[in-house]
Amino acid sequence: MSSFSTVEIIRTATEQLAVADPRLAPLIAQHGPPERLLSKSSSCFVSLAKSILYQQLAGSAAAAIYSRFLAVCGVPDETALTPAAVLAAPQPALRGCGLSERKASYLQELAAHFADGRLSDELLTGASDAQLLSALTAVRGVGPWTVDMFAMFHLGRPDVLPVGDLAVRKGLAHLNGLPHQPSAAEMQALTQHWRPFRSLGCYYMWRLPLPASKRPAGSTSAAAAAAKKAGRAPSKKAQKTGLDRAVATQQQQKQQQQQQQVLGQPGLMVQRCWQLVLRVA
């Protein structure tokens, strides 16, 4: 099987995966066959360009920049976006729509690879996994994790194992009762029985409920405990200070979560991100 081309193929594959690994059966029953992994007929160039543009950006900000990027390229929508249009866009104009100089150069380098034939939809859809990795990582701004996500969510490849994905590593550790996150070699060994549907297994790792991580104790609680020990209620100033610190802690945690998304730790966030990138219903 070269790709998940129909819902029926994915449904059959999930049934086989549930038999191969009964531990996944409850997740499969709860979430059903992931139609997001169906192969897409849209342009490989557009999907890759969009994934580069969206790197290190929140969804709303990325969408706004992407809209301006299409306008700078002189196209009405992404279906009309071509490598030639991106190459014709002046660097200052690309910078003006909100792209960094580096990201603008990445997009034009990707466009150059498609324009001169080093990359094409035909080449990418027909390439082996190793050939796909080699061809795409030759473009600056495209790393192994981006290649894996492209293979899973755009090409619909059924047997992708993104060994650099932290959420998948955490899911495998929890599923197998490991005290540590597995290495790439351990991930290969732990998922052998998922073949040839490791893409599905990884999808359900993103859905696997994990134990809640311990949160740092807020300063408000500490102030209240100290006041109680002293036999008095905390002052309004102490309460306000503690609240401010707690809010700051929450904001820091939110920033850390966003950074984890950028660094290739997708979980459920990556599914939403690639829904935006690939316009998956």
C-alpha atoms as a PDB file:
ATOM      1  CA  MET A   1       0.000   0.000   0.000  1.00  0.00           C
ATOM      2  CA  SER A   2       1.547   3.309  -1.079  1.00  0.00           C
ATOM      3  CA  SER A   3      -0.919   5.674   0.591  1.00  0.00           C
ATOM      4  CA  PHE A   4      -4.146   6.035   2.536  1.00  0.00           C
ATOM      5  CA  SER A   5      -6.186   7.010  -0.511  1.00  0.00           C
ATOM      6  CA  THR A   6      -9.699   6.220   0.758  1.00  0.00           C
ATOM      7  CA  VAL A   7     -11.575   6.194   4.051  1.00  0.00           C
ATOM      8  CA  GLU A   8     -12.254   2.495   3.611  1.00  0.00           C
ATOM      9  CA  ILE A   9      -8.524   1.759   3.399  1.00  0.00           C
ATOM     10  CA  ILE A  10      -7.908   3.666   6.636  1.00  0.00           C
ATOM     11  CA  ARG A  11     -10.824   1.926   8.335  1.00  0.00           C
ATOM     12  CA  THR A  12      -9.484  -1.499   7.377  1.00  0.00           C
ATOM     13  CA  ALA A  13      -5.994  -0.515   8.514  1.00  0.00           C
ATOM     14  CA  THR A  14      -7.246   0.618  11.947  1.00  0.00           C
ATOM     15  CA  GLU A  15      -9.026  -2.704  12.376  1.00  0.00           C
ATOM     16  CA  GLN A  16      -5.800  -4.549  11.596  1.00  0.00           C
ATOM     17  CA  LEU A  17      -3.830  -2.312  13.945  1.00  0.00           C
ATOM     18  CA  ALA A  18      -6.278  -2.991  16.784  1.00  0.00           C
ATOM     19  CA  VAL A  19      -5.691  -6.720  16.313  1.00  0.00           C
ATOM     20  CA  ALA A  20      -1.910  -6.273  16.130  1.00  0.00           C
ATOM     21  CA  ASP A  21      -1.864  -4.141  19.294  1.00  0.00           C
ATOM     22  CA  PRO A  22      -4.993  -4.560  21.441  1.00  0.00           C
ATOM     23  CA  ARG A  23      -3.763  -1.779  23.742  1.00  0.00           C
ATOM     24  CA  LEU A  24      -4.707   0.681  21.005  1.00  0.00           C
ATOM     25  CA  ALA A  25      -8.219  -0.713  20.553  1.00  0.00           C
ATOM     26  CA  PRO A  26      -9.868   1.668  23.083  1.00  0.00           C
ATOM     27  CA  LEU A  27      -8.229   4.697  21.430  1.00  0.00           C
ATOM     28  CA  ILE A  28      -9.283   3.506  17.991  1.00  0.00           C
ATOM     29  CA  ALA A  29     -12.840   2.939  19.205  1.00  0.00           C
ATOM     30  CA  GLN A  30     -12.930   6.378  20.831  1.00  0.00           C
ATOM     31  CA  HIS A  31     -11.422   8.440  18.011  1.00  0.00           C
ATOM     32  CA  GLY A  32     -12.208   6.353  14.951  1.00  0.00           C
ATOM     33  CA  PRO A  33     -10.218   6.162  11.717  1.00  0.00           C
ATOM     34  CA  PRO A  34      -8.171   9.379  11.252  1.00  0.00           C
ATOM     35  CA  GLU A  35      -9.341  10.815   7.941  1.00  0.00           C
ATOM     36  CA  ARG A  36      -6.715  13.543   8.401  1.00  0.00           C
ATOM     37  CA  LEU A  37      -4.170  10.997   7.210  1.00  0.00           C
ATOM     38  CA  LEU A  38      -5.829  10.616   3.817  1.00  0.00           C
ATOM     39  CA  SER A  39      -3.538  11.516   0.916  1.00  0.00           C
ATOM     40  CA  LYS A  40      -4.165  14.935  -0.618  1.00  0.00           C
ATOM     41  CA  SER A  41      -4.417  15.819  -4.304  1.00  0.00           C
ATOM     42  CA  SER A  42      -3.393  19.432  -3.752  1.00  0.00           C
ATOM     43  CA  SER A  43       0.018  20.826  -4.683  1.00  0.00           C
ATOM     44  CA  CYS A  44       3.041  19.478  -2.819  1.00  0.00           C
ATOM     45  CA  PHE A  45       4.726  22.841  -3.337  1.00  0.00           C
ATOM     46  CA  VAL A  46       1.895  24.731  -1.640  1.00  0.00           C
ATOM     47  CA  SER A  47       1.829  22.336   1.319  1.00  0.00           C
ATOM     48  CA  LEU A  48       5.590  22.586   1.856  1.00  0.00           C
ATOM     49  CA  ALA A  49       5.641  26.351   1.392  1.00  0.00           C
ATOM     50  CA  LYS A  50       2.852  26.738   3.897  1.00  0.00           C
ATOM     51  CA  SER A  51       4.586  24.475   6.417  1.00  0.00           C
ATOM     52  CA  ILE A  52       7.768  26.582   6.161  1.00  0.00           C
ATOM     53  CA  LEU A  53       5.830  29.823   6.533  1.00  0.00           C
ATOM     54  CA  TYR A  54       3.938  28.548   9.576  1.00  0.00           C
ATOM     55  CA  GLN A  55       7.102  27.523  11.450  1.00  0.00           C
ATOM     56  CA  GLN A  56       7.536  29.303  14.801  1.00  0.00           C
ATOM     57  CA  LEU A  57       4.251  31.184  14.428  1.00  0.00           C
ATOM     58  CA  ALA A  58       0.926  30.958  16.230  1.00  0.00           C
ATOM     59  CA  GLY A  59      -1.943  29.900  13.990  1.00  0.00           C
ATOM     60  CA  SER A  60      -3.711  33.285  13.775  1.00  0.00           C
ATOM     61  CA  ALA A  61      -0.484  35.219  13.124  1.00  0.00           C
ATOM     62  CA  ALA A  62       0.630  32.680  10.522  1.00  0.00           C
ATOM     63  CA  ALA A  63      -2.727  32.844   8.743  1.00  0.00           C
ATOM     64  CA  ALA A  64      -2.504  36.640   8.521  1.00  0.00           C
ATOM     65  CA  ILE A  65       1.057  36.537   7.172  1.00  0.00           C
ATOM     66  CA  TYR A  66       0.121  33.781   4.735  1.00  0.00           C
ATOM     67  CA  SER A  67      -2.726  35.894   3.374  1.00  0.00           C
ATOM     68  CA  ARG A  68      -0.349  38.827   2.829  1.00  0.00           C
ATOM     69  CA  PHE A  69       2.223  36.455   1.316  1.00  0.00           C
ATOM     70  CA  LEU A  70      -0.297  35.286  -1.301  1.00  0.00           C
ATOM     71  CA  ALA A  71      -1.101  38.907  -2.118  1.00  0.00           C
ATOM     72  CA  VAL A  72       2.594  39.753  -2.530  1.00  0.00           C
ATOM     73  CA  CYS A  73       2.918  36.768  -4.876  1.00  0.00           C
ATOM     74  CA  GLY A  74       0.036  38.185  -6.917  1.00  0.00           C
ATOM     75  CA  VAL A  75      -2.322  35.229  -6.554  1.00  0.00           C
ATOM     76  CA  PRO A  76      -5.969  35.282  -5.391  1.00  0.00           C
ATOM     77  CA  ASP A  77      -5.672  32.139  -3.273  1.00  0.00           C
ATOM     78  CA  GLU A  78      -3.288  29.288  -2.547  1.00  0.00           C
ATOM     79  CA  THR A  79      -4.598  27.115  -5.380  1.00  0.00           C
ATOM     80  CA  ALA A  80      -2.995  29.613  -7.771  1.00  0.00           C
ATOM     81  CA  LEU A  81       0.352  29.761  -5.937  1.00  0.00           C
ATOM     82  CA  THR A  82       3.260  28.614  -8.107  1.00  0.00           C
ATOM     83  CA  PRO A  83       7.043  28.483  -7.714  1.00  0.00           C
ATOM     84  CA  ALA A  84       7.340  31.166 -10.411  1.00  0.00           C
ATOM     85  CA  ALA A  85       5.088  33.517  -8.438  1.00  0.00           C
ATOM     86  CA  VAL A  86       7.199  33.101  -5.300  1.00  0.00           C
ATOM     87  CA  LEU A  87      10.466  33.611  -7.217  1.00  0.00           C
ATOM     88  CA  ALA A  88       9.072  36.758  -8.827  1.00  0.00           C
ATOM     89  CA  ALA A  89       8.172  38.320  -5.472  1.00  0.00           C
ATOM     90  CA  PRO A  90      10.805  40.880  -4.381  1.00  0.00           C
ATOM     91  CA  GLN A  91      12.568  40.141  -1.100  1.00  0.00           C
ATOM     92  CA  PRO A  92      11.572  43.526   0.412  1.00  0.00           C
ATOM     93  CA  ALA A  93       7.923  42.771  -0.375  1.00  0.00           C
ATOM     94  CA  LEU A  94       8.196  39.354   1.239  1.00  0.00           C
ATOM     95  CA  ARG A  95       9.771  40.930   4.295  1.00  0.00           C
ATOM     96  CA  GLY A  96       7.003  43.518   4.312  1.00  0.00           C
ATOM     97  CA  CYS A  97       4.291  40.877   4.658  1.00  0.00           C
ATOM     98  CA  GLY A  98       5.819  39.733   7.954  1.00  0.00           C
ATOM     99  CA  LEU A  99       8.368  37.118   6.917  1.00  0.00           C
ATOM    100  CA  SER A 100      11.850  37.097   8.357  1.00  0.00           C
ATOM    101  CA  GLU A 101      14.717  37.413   5.883  1.00  0.00           C
ATOM    102  CA  ARG A 102      15.678  33.805   6.560  1.00  0.00           C
ATOM    103  CA  LYS A 103      12.176  32.446   6.087  1.00  0.00           C
ATOM    104  CA  ALA A 104      11.703  34.422   2.881  1.00  0.00           C
ATOM    105  CA  SER A 105      14.927  32.910   1.557  1.00  0.00           C
ATOM    106  CA  TYR A 106      13.723  29.420   2.529  1.00  0.00           C
ATOM    107  CA  LEU A 107      10.501  29.912   0.579  1.00  0.00           C
ATOM    108  CA  GLN A 108      12.323  31.135  -2.507  1.00  0.00           C
ATOM    109  CA  GLU A 109      14.808  28.277  -2.262  1.00  0.00           C
ATOM    110  CA  LEU A 110      11.914  25.806  -2.132  1.00  0.00           C
ATOM    111  CA  ALA A 111      10.405  27.534  -5.156  1.00  0.00           C
ATOM    112  CA  ALA A 112      13.728  27.288  -7.004  1.00  0.00           C
ATOM    113  CA  HIS A 113      13.885  23.531  -6.362  1.00  0.00           C
ATOM    114  CA  PHE A 114      10.428  23.116  -7.888  1.00  0.00           C
ATOM    115  CA  ALA A 115      11.092  25.531 -10.735  1.00  0.00           C
ATOM    116  CA  ASP A 116      14.240  23.791 -11.961  1.00  0.00           C
ATOM    117  CA  GLY A 117      12.889  20.266 -11.542  1.00  0.00           C
ATOM    118  CA  ARG A 118      14.885  19.137  -8.545  1.00  0.00           C
ATOM    119  CA  LEU A 119      11.489  18.712  -6.876  1.00  0.00           C
ATOM    120  CA  SER A 120       8.084  17.994  -8.383  1.00  0.00           C
ATOM    121  CA  ASP A 121       4.772  16.499  -7.318  1.00  0.00           C
ATOM    122  CA  GLU A 122       5.534  13.425  -9.400  1.00  0.00           C
ATOM    123  CA  LEU A 123       8.976  12.964  -7.866  1.00  0.00           C
ATOM    124  CA  LEU A 124       7.736  13.365  -4.284  1.00  0.00           C
ATOM    125  CA  THR A 125       4.683  11.143  -4.602  1.00  0.00           C
ATOM    126  CA  GLY A 126       6.748   8.395  -6.261  1.00  0.00           C
ATOM    127  CA  ALA A 127       9.851   8.630  -4.079  1.00  0.00           C
ATOM    128  CA  SER A 128      10.769   6.048  -1.475  1.00  0.00           C
ATOM    129  CA  ASP A 129      10.895   7.240   2.133  1.00  0.00           C
ATOM    130  CA  ALA A 130      14.682   7.543   1.930  1.00  0.00           C
ATOM    131  CA  GLN A 131      14.520   9.419  -1.373  1.00  0.00           C
ATOM    132  CA  LEU A 132      11.854  11.738   0.027  1.00  0.00           C
ATOM    133  CA  LEU A 133      14.015  12.576   3.041  1.00  0.00           C
ATOM    134  CA  SER A 134      17.081  13.220   0.886  1.00  0.00           C
ATOM    135  CA  ALA A 135      15.237  15.379  -1.647  1.00  0.00           C
ATOM    136  CA  LEU A 136      13.369  17.561   0.842  1.00  0.00           C
ATOM    137  CA  THR A 137      16.116  18.100   3.424  1.00  0.00           C
ATOM    138  CA  ALA A 138      18.250  19.499   0.600  1.00  0.00           C
ATOM    139  CA  VAL A 139      16.018  22.572   0.959  1.00  0.00           C
ATOM    140  CA  ARG A 140      16.972  24.872   3.816  1.00  0.00           C
ATOM    141  CA  GLY A 141      14.140  25.165   6.309  1.00  0.00           C
ATOM    142  CA  VAL A 142      12.938  21.590   5.808  1.00  0.00           C
ATOM    143  CA  GLY A 143      14.102  19.088   8.427  1.00  0.00           C
ATOM    144  CA  PRO A 144      13.361  15.401   9.066  1.00  0.00           C
ATOM    145  CA  TRP A 145      10.334  16.130  11.253  1.00  0.00           C
ATOM    146  CA  THR A 146       8.759  18.326   8.550  1.00  0.00           C
ATOM    147  CA  VAL A 147       9.406  15.548   6.038  1.00  0.00           C
ATOM    148  CA  ASP A 148       7.689  13.010   8.306  1.00  0.00           C
ATOM    149  CA  MET A 149       4.652  15.259   8.798  1.00  0.00           C
ATOM    150  CA  PHE A 150       4.446  15.933   5.061  1.00  0.00           C
ATOM    151  CA  ALA A 151       4.660  12.204   4.350  1.00  0.00           C
ATOM    152  CA  MET A 152       1.907  11.447   6.856  1.00  0.00           C
ATOM    153  CA  PHE A 153      -0.529  14.308   6.371  1.00  0.00           C
ATOM    154  CA  HIS A 154      -0.093  15.195   2.693  1.00  0.00           C
ATOM    155  CA  LEU A 155       1.141  12.061   0.963  1.00  0.00           C
ATOM    156  CA  GLY A 156      -0.912   9.813   3.254  1.00  0.00           C
ATOM    157  CA  ARG A 157       1.930   7.338   3.731  1.00  0.00           C
ATOM    158  CA  PRO A 158       0.841   4.553   6.083  1.00  0.00           C
ATOM    159  CA  ASP A 159       4.138   3.502   7.644  1.00  0.00           C
ATOM    160  CA  VAL A 160       5.881   6.665   8.866  1.00  0.00           C
ATOM    161  CA  LEU A 161       7.612   6.662  12.259  1.00  0.00           C
ATOM    162  CA  PRO A 162       8.634  10.207  13.268  1.00  0.00           C
ATOM    163  CA  VAL A 163      11.431   9.326  15.683  1.00  0.00           C
ATOM    164  CA  GLY A 164      12.115  12.991  16.395  1.00  0.00           C
ATOM    165  CA  ASP A 165       8.594  13.672  17.641  1.00  0.00           C
ATOM    166  CA  LEU A 166       8.554  14.140  21.410  1.00  0.00           C
ATOM    167  CA  ALA A 167       4.822  13.462  21.778  1.00  0.00           C
ATOM    168  CA  VAL A 168       5.171  10.100  20.037  1.00  0.00           C
ATOM    169  CA  ARG A 169       8.177   9.246  22.195  1.00  0.00           C
ATOM    170  CA  LYS A 170       6.260  10.146  25.366  1.00  0.00           C
ATOM    171  CA  GLY A 171       3.265   8.147  24.196  1.00  0.00           C
ATOM    172  CA  LEU A 172       5.383   5.066  23.512  1.00  0.00           C
ATOM    173  CA  ALA A 173       7.076   5.394  26.896  1.00  0.00           C
ATOM    174  CA  HIS A 174       3.704   5.547  28.659  1.00  0.00           C
ATOM    175  CA  LEU A 175       2.148   2.780  26.568  1.00  0.00           C
ATOM    176  CA  ASN A 176       5.054   0.445  27.314  1.00  0.00           C
ATOM    177  CA  GLY A 177       5.616   1.457  30.934  1.00  0.00           C
ATOM    178  CA  LEU A 178       9.118   2.752  30.308  1.00  0.00           C
ATOM    179  CA  PRO A 179      10.852   4.967  32.877  1.00  0.00           C
ATOM    180  CA  HIS A 180      12.509   6.930  30.060  1.00  0.00           C
ATOM    181  CA  GLN A 181      11.700   8.238  26.607  1.00  0.00           C
ATOM    182  CA  PRO A 182      12.764   5.656  24.027  1.00  0.00           C
ATOM    183  CA  SER A 183      15.609   6.286  21.623  1.00  0.00           C
ATOM    184  CA  ALA A 184      15.117   6.099  17.861  1.00  0.00           C
ATOM    185  CA  ALA A 185      16.304   2.484  17.854  1.00  0.00           C
ATOM    186  CA  GLU A 186      13.973   1.606  20.736  1.00  0.00           C
ATOM    187  CA  MET A 187      11.068   3.271  18.929  1.00  0.00           C
ATOM    188  CA  GLN A 188      11.766   1.121  15.902  1.00  0.00           C
ATOM    189  CA  ALA A 189      11.726  -2.023  18.050  1.00  0.00           C
ATOM    190  CA  LEU A 190       8.620  -1.018  20.020  1.00  0.00           C
ATOM    191  CA  THR A 191       6.584  -0.382  16.873  1.00  0.00           C
ATOM    192  CA  GLN A 192       7.565  -3.361  14.725  1.00  0.00           C
ATOM    193  CA  HIS A 193       4.181  -4.987  15.291  1.00  0.00           C
ATOM    194  CA  TRP A 194       2.470  -1.809  14.013  1.00  0.00           C
ATOM    195  CA  ARG A 195       3.976  -2.277  10.549  1.00  0.00           C
ATOM    196  CA  PRO A 196       2.853  -1.446   7.926  1.00  0.00           C
ATOM    197  CA  PHE A 197       0.642   1.101   9.693  1.00  0.00           C
ATOM    198  CA  ARG A 198       2.999   2.970  12.001  1.00  0.00           C
ATOM    199  CA  SER A 199       1.522   6.299  10.864  1.00  0.00           C
ATOM    200  CA  LEU A 200      -1.743   5.197  12.448  1.00  0.00           C
ATOM    201  CA  GLY A 201      -0.033   4.032  15.617  1.00  0.00           C
ATOM    202  CA  CYS A 202       1.715   7.398  15.950  1.00  0.00           C
ATOM    203  CA  TYR A 203      -1.550   9.226  15.381  1.00  0.00           C
ATOM    204  CA  TYR A 204      -3.045   7.384  18.347  1.00  0.00           C
ATOM    205  CA  MET A 205       0.031   8.218  20.443  1.00  0.00           C
ATOM    206  CA  TRP A 206      -0.954  11.852  19.963  1.00  0.00           C
ATOM    207  CA  ARG A 207      -4.394  10.906  21.281  1.00  0.00           C
ATOM    208  CA  LEU A 208      -3.100   8.871  24.205  1.00  0.00           C
ATOM    209  CA  PRO A 209      -4.005  10.483  27.563  1.00  0.00           C
ATOM    210  CA  LEU A 210      -0.826  11.085  29.557  1.00  0.00           C
ATOM    211  CA  PRO A 211      -0.529  11.735  33.295  1.00  0.00           C
ATOM    212  CA  ALA A 212      -0.767  15.449  34.084  1.00  0.00           C
ATOM    213  CA  SER A 213       2.627  16.989  34.689  1.00  0.00           C
ATOM    214  CA  LYS A 214       3.249  18.612  38.031  1.00  0.00           C
ATOM    215  CA  ARG A 215       2.725  22.345  37.970  1.00  0.00           C
ATOM    216  CA  PRO A 216       4.884  24.730  39.997  1.00  0.00           C
ATOM    217  CA  ALA A 217       3.138  25.841  43.151  1.00  0.00           C
ATOM    218  CA  GLY A 218       1.693  29.330  42.735  1.00  0.00           C
ATOM    219  CA  SER A 219       2.874  32.151  44.956  1.00  0.00           C
ATOM    220  CA  THR A 220      -0.714  32.826  46.041  1.00  0.00           C
ATOM    221  CA  SER A 221      -0.892  29.459  47.810  1.00  0.00           C
ATOM    222  CA  ALA A 222       2.499  30.006  49.423  1.00  0.00           C
ATOM    223  CA  ALA A 223       1.468  33.431  50.728  1.00  0.00           C
ATOM    224  CA  ALA A 224      -1.789  32.056  52.119  1.00  0.00           C
ATOM    225  CA  ALA A 225       0.018  29.194  53.850  1.00  0.00           C
ATOM    226  CA  ALA A 226       2.516  31.581  55.427  1.00  0.00           C
ATOM    227  CA  ALA A 227      -0.275  33.877  56.603  1.00  0.00           C
ATOM    228  CA  LYS A 228      -2.198  30.956  58.086  1.00  0.00           C
ATOM    229  CA  LYS A 229       0.893  29.781  59.950  1.00  0.00           C
ATOM    230  CA  ALA A 230       1.344  33.304  61.326  1.00  0.00           C
ATOM    231  CA  GLY A 231      -2.265  33.344  62.480  1.00  0.00           C
ATOM    232  CA  ARG A 232      -3.498  36.070  60.142  1.00  0.00           C
ATOM    233  CA  ALA A 233      -5.038  36.443  56.720  1.00  0.00           C
ATOM    234  CA  PRO A 234      -2.754  37.571  53.888  1.00  0.00           C
ATOM    235  CA  SER A 235      -2.890  41.273  53.128  1.00  0.00           C
ATOM    236  CA  LYS A 236      -4.515  42.547  49.941  1.00  0.00           C
ATOM    237  CA  LYS A 237      -1.068  43.530  48.706  1.00  0.00           C
ATOM    238  CA  ALA A 238       0.230  40.009  49.309  1.00  0.00           C
ATOM    239  CA  GLN A 239      -2.790  38.535  47.580  1.00  0.00           C
ATOM    240  CA  LYS A 240      -2.295  40.810  44.581  1.00  0.00           C
ATOM    241  CA  THR A 241       1.419  40.026  44.401  1.00  0.00           C
ATOM    242  CA  GLY A 242       0.714  36.323  44.590  1.00  0.00           C
ATOM    243  CA  LEU A 243      -1.960  36.601  41.910  1.00  0.00           C
ATOM    244  CA  ASP A 244       0.370  38.544  39.616  1.00  0.00           C
ATOM    245  CA  ARG A 245       3.024  35.875  40.014  1.00  0.00           C
ATOM    246  CA  ALA A 246       0.537  33.089  39.361  1.00  0.00           C
ATOM    247  CA  VAL A 247      -0.623  34.819  36.163  1.00  0.00           C
ATOM    248  CA  ALA A 248       2.994  35.249  35.095  1.00  0.00           C
ATOM    249  CA  THR A 249       3.603  31.555  35.743  1.00  0.00           C
ATOM    250  CA  GLN A 250       0.605  30.622  33.605  1.00  0.00           C
ATOM    251  CA  GLN A 251       1.812  32.879  30.802  1.00  0.00           C
ATOM    252  CA  GLN A 252       5.275  31.308  30.983  1.00  0.00           C
ATOM    253  CA  GLN A 253       3.771  27.818  30.800  1.00  0.00           C
ATOM    254  CA  LYS A 254       1.737  28.864  27.744  1.00  0.00           C
ATOM    255  CA  GLN A 255       4.872  30.212  26.053  1.00  0.00           C
ATOM    256  CA  GLN A 256       6.697  26.966  26.806  1.00  0.00           C
ATOM    257  CA  GLN A 257       3.863  24.969  25.229  1.00  0.00           C
ATOM    258  CA  GLN A 258       4.067  27.143  22.120  1.00  0.00           C
ATOM    259  CA  GLN A 259       7.834  26.662  22.001  1.00  0.00           C
ATOM    260  CA  GLN A 260       7.367  22.907  22.223  1.00  0.00           C
ATOM    261  CA  GLN A 261       5.145  23.077  19.152  1.00  0.00           C
ATOM    262  CA  VAL A 262       7.844  24.985  17.275  1.00  0.00           C
ATOM    263  CA  LEU A 263      10.538  22.515  18.263  1.00  0.00           C
ATOM    264  CA  GLY A 264       8.662  19.606  16.800  1.00  0.00           C
ATOM    265  CA  GLN A 265       6.585  18.311  19.682  1.00  0.00           C
ATOM    266  CA  PRO A 266       3.174  18.143  18.066  1.00  0.00           C
ATOM    267  CA  GLY A 267       0.694  16.120  20.129  1.00  0.00           C
ATOM    268  CA  LEU A 268      -2.777  17.384  19.351  1.00  0.00           C
ATOM    269  CA  MET A 269      -1.381  20.811  18.446  1.00  0.00           C
ATOM    270  CA  VAL A 270       0.419  19.496  15.393  1.00  0.00           C
ATOM    271  CA  GLN A 271      -2.797  18.007  14.089  1.00  0.00           C
ATOM    272  CA  ARG A 272      -4.436  21.437  14.284  1.00  0.00           C
ATOM    273  CA  CYS A 273      -1.361  23.051  12.742  1.00  0.00           C
ATOM    274  CA  TRP A 274      -1.302  20.661   9.804  1.00  0.00           C
ATOM    275  CA  GLN A 275      -5.049  21.041   9.391  1.00  0.00           C
ATOM    276  CA  LEU A 276      -4.327  24.725   8.782  1.00  0.00           C
ATOM    277  CA  VAL A 277      -1.329  23.994   6.591  1.00  0.00           C
ATOM    278  CA  LEU A 278      -3.036  21.392   4.439  1.00  0.00           C
ATOM    279  CA  ARG A 279      -6.632  22.612   4.804  1.00  0.00           C
ATOM    280  CA  VAL A 280      -7.836  19.248   6.054  1.00  0.00           C
ATOM    281  CA  ALA A 281     -11.531  19.192   6.870  1.00  0.00           C
END
